[in-house]
Amino acid sequence: MKMPVTEYVVMIHKRNVGTFAPAFPDMDTAEEFANAMRIITDDVSISEPVPVVAARDPIQLSSKTKAATN
């Protein structure tokens, strides 16, 4: 079963600052944003839009995982 794409993210990375990933409702909007950011920024890595796919089952932490972090 093919899961639906829920949004598209564009990852933006700047050294010594971090990575940000704004989300967009469709590929065209995400691609326009990525291209605009490439034009107006220097020394920043910007990805192509990446689809985010819906998961079938929610991820749940087990009690063992929670205990290990305490």
Protein backbone atom coordinates (compact mmCIF):
# COMPACT_ATOMS: atom_id res chain seq x y z
CA MET A 1 0.00 0.00 0.00
CA LYS A 2 1.46 3.34 -1.03
CA MET A 3 1.28 5.94 1.73
CA PRO A 4 0.32 9.53 0.78
CA VAL A 5 2.71 12.48 0.78
CA THR A 6 1.54 14.86 3.51
CA GLU A 7 3.96 17.75 2.87
CA TYR A 8 7.34 18.66 1.42
CA VAL A 9 10.29 19.96 3.43
CA VAL A 10 13.29 21.98 2.29
CA MET A 11 16.31 21.46 4.51
CA ILE A 12 18.47 24.53 5.06
CA HIS A 13 21.84 24.12 6.78
CA LYS A 14 24.19 26.88 7.92
CA ARG A 15 27.46 25.93 9.58
CA ASN A 16 27.66 26.98 13.25
CA VAL A 17 23.91 27.70 13.30
CA GLY A 18 22.15 24.42 12.51
CA THR A 19 19.61 22.89 10.18
CA PHE A 20 16.07 24.09 9.62
CA ALA A 21 13.34 22.33 7.65
CA PRO A 22 10.30 24.45 6.77
CA ALA A 23 7.35 22.45 5.42
CA PHE A 24 5.14 23.25 2.42
CA PRO A 25 1.80 21.83 1.29
CA ASP A 26 2.88 21.08 -2.29
CA MET A 27 5.98 20.47 -4.40
CA ASP A 28 5.68 23.66 -6.45
CA THR A 29 5.65 25.94 -3.40
CA ALA A 30 8.56 24.07 -1.82
CA GLU A 31 10.59 24.26 -5.03
CA GLU A 32 9.92 27.99 -5.44
CA PHE A 33 11.06 28.58 -1.85
CA ALA A 34 14.23 26.51 -2.28
CA ASN A 35 15.16 28.34 -5.49
CA ALA A 36 14.51 31.75 -3.93
CA MET A 37 16.65 30.88 -0.91
CA ARG A 38 19.52 29.80 -3.18
CA ILE A 39 19.40 33.22 -4.89
CA ILE A 40 19.40 35.34 -1.73
CA THR A 41 21.75 33.39 0.56
CA ASP A 42 25.48 32.69 0.66
CA ASP A 43 27.34 29.93 2.50
CA VAL A 44 24.11 27.99 3.11
CA SER A 45 23.27 24.45 1.94
CA ILE A 46 19.72 24.08 0.65
CA SER A 47 18.17 20.74 -0.35
CA GLU A 48 15.71 19.92 -3.06
CA PRO A 49 12.19 19.46 -1.67
CA VAL A 50 11.85 16.15 0.19
CA PRO A 51 8.44 14.47 0.44
CA VAL A 52 7.16 13.55 3.89
CA VAL A 53 5.10 10.37 3.77
CA ALA A 54 2.36 9.50 6.26
CA ALA A 55 3.17 6.61 8.57
CA ARG A 56 0.72 3.78 8.89
CA ASP A 57 1.17 3.25 12.64
CA PRO A 58 2.17 5.88 15.18
CA ILE A 59 5.55 5.27 16.80
CA GLN A 60 5.30 4.55 20.50
CA LEU A 61 8.17 4.41 22.96
CA SER A 62 8.29 1.31 25.09
CA SER A 63 8.65 1.49 28.86
CA LYS A 64 12.18 0.06 28.47
CA THR A 65 13.20 3.01 26.30
CA LYS A 66 11.71 5.52 28.74
CA ALA A 67 13.48 3.86 31.69
CA ALA A 68 16.84 3.95 29.91
CA THR A 69 16.63 7.72 29.42
CA ASN A 70 15.95 8.44 33.12
